[in-house]
Amino acid sequence: MSTVPPSMPSGDSPQKARQFYDYLQAHQQTMYHPDTWHVRWLDLAWLWGFLITLAAVLLWWIWQYRTTRQRIYEVDTFGGYTTELARPSTSFFILLTIVLTGWAVALIVGHLVWGQKF
């Protein structure tokens, strides 16, 4: 009698197919080690970092919106309700555009290089 553990069974009969199914299920069940509940501190840091950054950006945007409403051109009145004011872009808008563009490029390049891992 051999002491070597059985290898992966073939599927040439219903019993062998069942053994193959059991083999795969057993492998899936033992792939991860059981672990008690624990805190993933890195995930919490990312979450709170995102929320703090989001709050800071929101406050900065409100400050920019309330302080940079200068009118360098007269308001065009012929457009009625759809009239626009000509104003320069705020530094908030420019930085937000740069950050969002950088984030999009990082996601696209990351997915092309490493696949969809994040």
Protein backbone atom coordinates (compact mmCIF):
# COMPACT_ATOMS: atom_id res chain seq x y z
CA MET A 1 0.00 0.00 0.00
CA SER A 2 1.35 3.38 -0.99
CA THR A 3 1.79 6.19 1.55
CA VAL A 4 1.83 8.84 -1.16
CA PRO A 5 -1.30 11.05 -0.99
CA PRO A 6 -3.64 10.56 -3.92
CA SER A 7 -3.14 12.90 -6.79
CA MET A 8 -5.86 14.82 -8.55
CA PRO A 9 -8.39 12.27 -9.86
CA SER A 10 -9.46 12.09 -13.45
CA GLY A 11 -13.11 12.34 -14.52
CA ASP A 12 -13.60 9.18 -16.54
CA SER A 13 -16.48 7.88 -14.36
CA PRO A 14 -19.16 9.44 -12.14
CA GLN A 15 -17.28 8.33 -9.04
CA LYS A 16 -14.07 9.88 -10.35
CA ALA A 17 -15.93 13.08 -11.21
CA ARG A 18 -17.27 13.18 -7.66
CA GLN A 19 -13.75 12.65 -6.30
CA PHE A 20 -12.54 15.48 -8.52
CA TYR A 21 -15.31 17.75 -7.23
CA ASP A 22 -14.49 16.84 -3.61
CA TYR A 23 -10.80 17.42 -4.29
CA LEU A 24 -11.45 20.91 -5.63
CA GLN A 25 -13.80 21.76 -2.76
CA ALA A 26 -11.27 20.57 -0.18
CA HIS A 27 -8.58 22.63 -1.86
CA GLN A 28 -10.83 25.71 -1.77
CA GLN A 29 -11.62 25.18 1.90
CA THR A 30 -7.98 24.89 2.92
CA MET A 31 -6.70 27.75 0.77
CA TYR A 32 -7.20 30.33 3.54
CA HIS A 33 -6.34 29.93 7.17
CA PRO A 34 -9.06 30.54 9.73
CA ASP A 35 -8.61 33.80 11.56
CA THR A 36 -10.36 35.57 14.36
CA TRP A 37 -11.86 39.02 13.93
CA HIS A 38 -9.29 41.77 13.70
CA VAL A 39 -8.99 45.39 12.65
CA ARG A 40 -7.38 46.18 9.30
CA TRP A 41 -5.66 49.42 10.27
CA LEU A 42 -4.47 50.27 6.78
CA ASP A 43 -8.03 50.14 5.46
CA LEU A 44 -9.20 52.37 8.29
CA ALA A 45 -6.37 54.80 7.58
CA TRP A 46 -7.37 54.97 3.91
CA LEU A 47 -11.01 55.51 4.85
CA TRP A 48 -10.36 58.29 7.36
CA GLY A 49 -7.70 59.82 5.15
CA PHE A 50 -10.20 59.98 2.31
CA LEU A 51 -12.89 61.51 4.53
CA ILE A 52 -10.52 64.10 5.99
CA THR A 53 -9.24 64.98 2.52
CA LEU A 54 -12.81 65.21 1.21
CA ALA A 55 -13.79 67.56 4.05
CA ALA A 56 -10.68 69.71 3.50
CA VAL A 57 -11.36 69.95 -0.24
CA LEU A 58 -14.99 70.86 0.42
CA LEU A 59 -13.97 73.63 2.85
CA TRP A 60 -11.34 74.91 0.43
CA TRP A 61 -13.87 74.94 -2.40
CA ILE A 62 -16.38 76.89 -0.28
CA TRP A 63 -13.66 79.38 0.70
CA GLN A 64 -12.58 79.79 -2.94
CA TYR A 65 -16.17 80.19 -4.11
CA ARG A 66 -16.96 82.83 -1.50
CA THR A 67 -13.76 84.88 -1.98
CA THR A 68 -13.06 84.84 -5.74
CA ARG A 69 -16.25 86.11 -7.30
CA GLN A 70 -14.68 89.12 -9.00
CA ARG A 71 -16.22 90.30 -12.24
CA ILE A 72 -13.65 91.34 -14.79
CA TYR A 73 -16.20 91.76 -17.57
CA GLU A 74 -19.66 93.22 -17.60
CA VAL A 75 -22.56 90.82 -17.59
CA ASP A 76 -24.03 90.16 -21.02
CA THR A 77 -27.74 90.87 -20.75
CA PHE A 78 -28.86 89.77 -24.22
CA GLY A 79 -28.79 86.09 -23.22
CA GLY A 80 -31.48 86.47 -20.59
CA TYR A 81 -31.60 83.57 -18.13
CA THR A 82 -28.73 81.69 -19.81
CA THR A 83 -26.30 84.60 -19.50
CA GLU A 84 -22.85 83.61 -18.25
CA LEU A 85 -20.30 85.63 -16.36
CA ALA A 86 -16.75 85.61 -17.70
CA ARG A 87 -14.46 84.79 -14.79
CA PRO A 88 -11.05 83.19 -14.51
CA SER A 89 -10.78 79.64 -13.25
CA THR A 90 -10.02 79.41 -9.57
CA SER A 91 -6.94 77.63 -8.32
CA PHE A 92 -9.27 75.05 -6.74
CA PHE A 93 -10.74 74.14 -10.13
CA ILE A 94 -7.32 73.91 -11.78
CA LEU A 95 -5.91 71.71 -8.97
CA LEU A 96 -9.05 69.54 -8.94
CA THR A 97 -8.75 69.03 -12.70
CA ILE A 98 -5.08 68.05 -12.35
CA VAL A 99 -5.77 65.62 -9.49
CA LEU A 100 -8.71 63.95 -11.25
CA THR A 101 -6.73 63.64 -14.49
CA GLY A 102 -3.79 62.11 -12.61
CA TRP A 103 -6.10 59.67 -10.82
CA ALA A 104 -7.70 58.61 -14.11
CA VAL A 105 -4.30 58.09 -15.76
CA ALA A 106 -3.08 56.06 -12.75
CA LEU A 107 -6.15 53.81 -12.89
CA ILE A 108 -5.94 53.28 -16.64
CA VAL A 109 -2.21 52.60 -16.68
CA GLY A 110 -2.50 50.40 -13.59
CA HIS A 111 -5.23 48.31 -15.18
CA LEU A 112 -3.28 47.97 -18.42
CA VAL A 113 -0.05 46.99 -16.66
CA TRP A 114 -1.26 44.84 -13.73
CA GLY A 115 -4.83 43.99 -14.66
CA GLN A 116 -7.80 44.85 -12.50
CA LYS A 117 -6.30 44.19 -9.10
CA PHE A 118 -7.60 47.30 -7.36
